């Protein structure tokens, strides 16, 4: 029973870490897109 509880806890922790990582990556991409769009004088 203890192994089952540890496996369940590890699974939940991995799901939370994955969701956090995806959210963080999406924010980073959004900020890069925003930086590209609003650069003064444009880029060539």
N, C-alpha and C. Protein backbone atom coordinates (compact mmCIF):
# COMPACT_ATOMS: atom_id res chain seq x y z
N UNK A 1 0.82 -1.20 0.00
CA UNK A 1 0.00 0.00 0.00
C UNK A 1 0.87 1.27 0.00
N UNK A 2 1.98 1.20 0.72
CA UNK A 2 2.85 2.38 0.79
C UNK A 2 3.47 2.68 -0.59
N UNK A 3 3.84 1.64 -1.32
CA UNK A 3 4.40 1.84 -2.65
C UNK A 3 3.37 2.50 -3.57
N UNK A 4 2.12 2.08 -3.47
CA UNK A 4 1.06 2.68 -4.27
C UNK A 4 0.91 4.16 -3.95
N UNK A 5 0.95 4.52 -2.67
CA UNK A 5 0.81 5.93 -2.27
C UNK A 5 2.01 6.75 -2.76
N UNK A 6 3.20 6.19 -2.68
CA UNK A 6 4.38 6.90 -3.18
C UNK A 6 4.30 7.09 -4.69
N UNK A 7 3.86 6.07 -5.40
CA UNK A 7 3.72 6.18 -6.85
C UNK A 7 2.68 7.23 -7.22
N UNK A 8 1.58 7.26 -6.49
CA UNK A 8 0.54 8.26 -6.76
C UNK A 8 1.06 9.67 -6.48
N UNK A 9 1.79 9.83 -5.39
CA UNK A 9 2.35 11.15 -5.05
C UNK A 9 3.36 11.60 -6.10
N UNK A 10 4.19 10.68 -6.57
CA UNK A 10 5.17 11.03 -7.60
C UNK A 10 4.47 11.39 -8.91
N UNK A 11 3.41 10.67 -9.25
CA UNK A 11 2.67 10.97 -10.48
C UNK A 11 2.05 12.35 -10.41
N UNK A 12 1.44 12.67 -9.29
CA UNK A 12 0.82 13.99 -9.12
C UNK A 12 1.89 15.09 -9.17
N UNK A 13 3.03 14.85 -8.53
CA UNK A 13 4.11 15.84 -8.55
C UNK A 13 4.63 16.06 -9.97
N UNK A 14 4.74 15.00 -10.74
CA UNK A 14 5.21 15.14 -12.12
C UNK A 14 4.20 15.89 -12.98
N UNK A 15 2.92 15.63 -12.77
CA UNK A 15 1.89 16.36 -13.53
C UNK A 15 1.92 17.84 -13.20
N UNK A 16 2.08 18.18 -11.93
CA UNK A 16 2.16 19.58 -11.53
C UNK A 16 3.41 20.23 -12.13
N UNK A 17 4.54 19.54 -12.06
CA UNK A 17 5.78 20.09 -12.62
C UNK A 17 5.66 20.29 -14.13
N UNK A 18 5.01 19.36 -14.81
CA UNK A 18 4.83 19.48 -16.26
C UNK A 18 3.93 20.67 -16.59
N UNK A 19 2.84 20.82 -15.86
CA UNK A 19 1.94 21.96 -16.09
C UNK A 19 2.67 23.28 -15.83
N UNK A 20 3.46 23.33 -14.77
CA UNK A 20 4.21 24.55 -14.46
C UNK A 20 5.22 24.84 -15.57
N UNK A 21 5.92 23.83 -16.05
CA UNK A 21 6.89 24.02 -17.12
C UNK A 21 6.26 24.50 -18.41
N UNK A 22 5.12 23.93 -18.77
CA UNK A 22 4.42 24.36 -19.99
C UNK A 22 3.95 25.81 -19.85
N UNK A 23 3.44 26.17 -18.67
CA UNK A 23 2.99 27.54 -18.44
C UNK A 23 4.17 28.52 -18.54
N UNK A 24 5.28 28.15 -17.93
CA UNK A 24 6.47 29.00 -17.96
C UNK A 24 6.98 29.18 -19.40
N UNK A 25 7.02 28.12 -20.16
CA UNK A 25 7.48 28.18 -21.55
C UNK A 25 6.53 29.04 -22.40
N UNK A 26 5.23 28.91 -22.17
CA UNK A 26 4.27 29.72 -22.92
C UNK A 26 4.45 31.20 -22.60
N UNK A 27 4.69 31.53 -21.34
CA UNK A 27 4.93 32.93 -20.98
C UNK A 27 6.19 33.46 -21.66
N UNK A 28 7.25 32.65 -21.70
CA UNK A 28 8.50 33.08 -22.32
C UNK A 28 8.29 33.35 -23.81
N UNK A 29 7.57 32.47 -24.47
CA UNK A 29 7.31 32.65 -25.91
C UNK A 29 6.45 33.89 -26.14
N UNK A 30 5.46 34.10 -25.27
CA UNK A 30 4.60 35.28 -25.39
C UNK A 30 5.42 36.56 -25.25
N UNK A 31 6.34 36.58 -24.28
CA UNK A 31 7.16 37.78 -24.08
C UNK A 31 8.09 38.02 -25.26
N UNK A 32 8.67 36.95 -25.82
CA UNK A 32 9.52 37.11 -27.00
C UNK A 32 8.71 37.65 -28.18
N UNK A 33 7.50 37.17 -28.36
CA UNK A 33 6.65 37.65 -29.44
C UNK A 33 6.32 39.12 -29.24
N UNK A 34 6.03 39.48 -28.02
CA UNK A 34 5.71 40.88 -27.71
C UNK A 34 6.93 41.76 -27.96
N UNK A 35 8.11 41.29 -27.59
CA UNK A 35 9.33 42.07 -27.83
C UNK A 35 9.56 42.27 -29.32
N UNK A 36 9.32 41.23 -30.12
CA UNK A 36 9.52 41.34 -31.56
C UNK A 36 8.55 42.34 -32.18
N UNK A 37 7.33 42.37 -31.67
CA UNK A 37 6.30 43.19 -32.27
C UNK A 37 6.51 44.68 -31.98
N UNK A 38 7.04 45.02 -30.81
CA UNK A 38 7.09 46.43 -30.40
C UNK A 38 8.50 46.99 -30.33
N UNK A 39 9.38 46.53 -31.17
CA UNK A 39 10.73 47.11 -31.18
C UNK A 39 10.69 48.44 -31.91
N UNK A 40 11.31 49.45 -31.33
CA UNK A 40 11.32 50.75 -32.02
C UNK A 40 12.19 50.69 -33.27
N UNK A 41 11.81 51.38 -34.30
CA UNK A 41 12.52 51.50 -35.57
C UNK A 41 12.57 50.19 -36.36
N UNK A 42 11.94 49.17 -35.89
CA UNK A 42 11.88 47.91 -36.64
C UNK A 42 13.23 47.22 -36.74
N UNK A 43 13.19 46.02 -37.27
CA UNK A 43 14.42 45.26 -37.51
C UNK A 43 14.50 44.90 -38.98
N UNK A 44 15.72 44.78 -39.47
CA UNK A 44 15.83 44.40 -40.87
C UNK A 44 16.22 42.95 -41.05
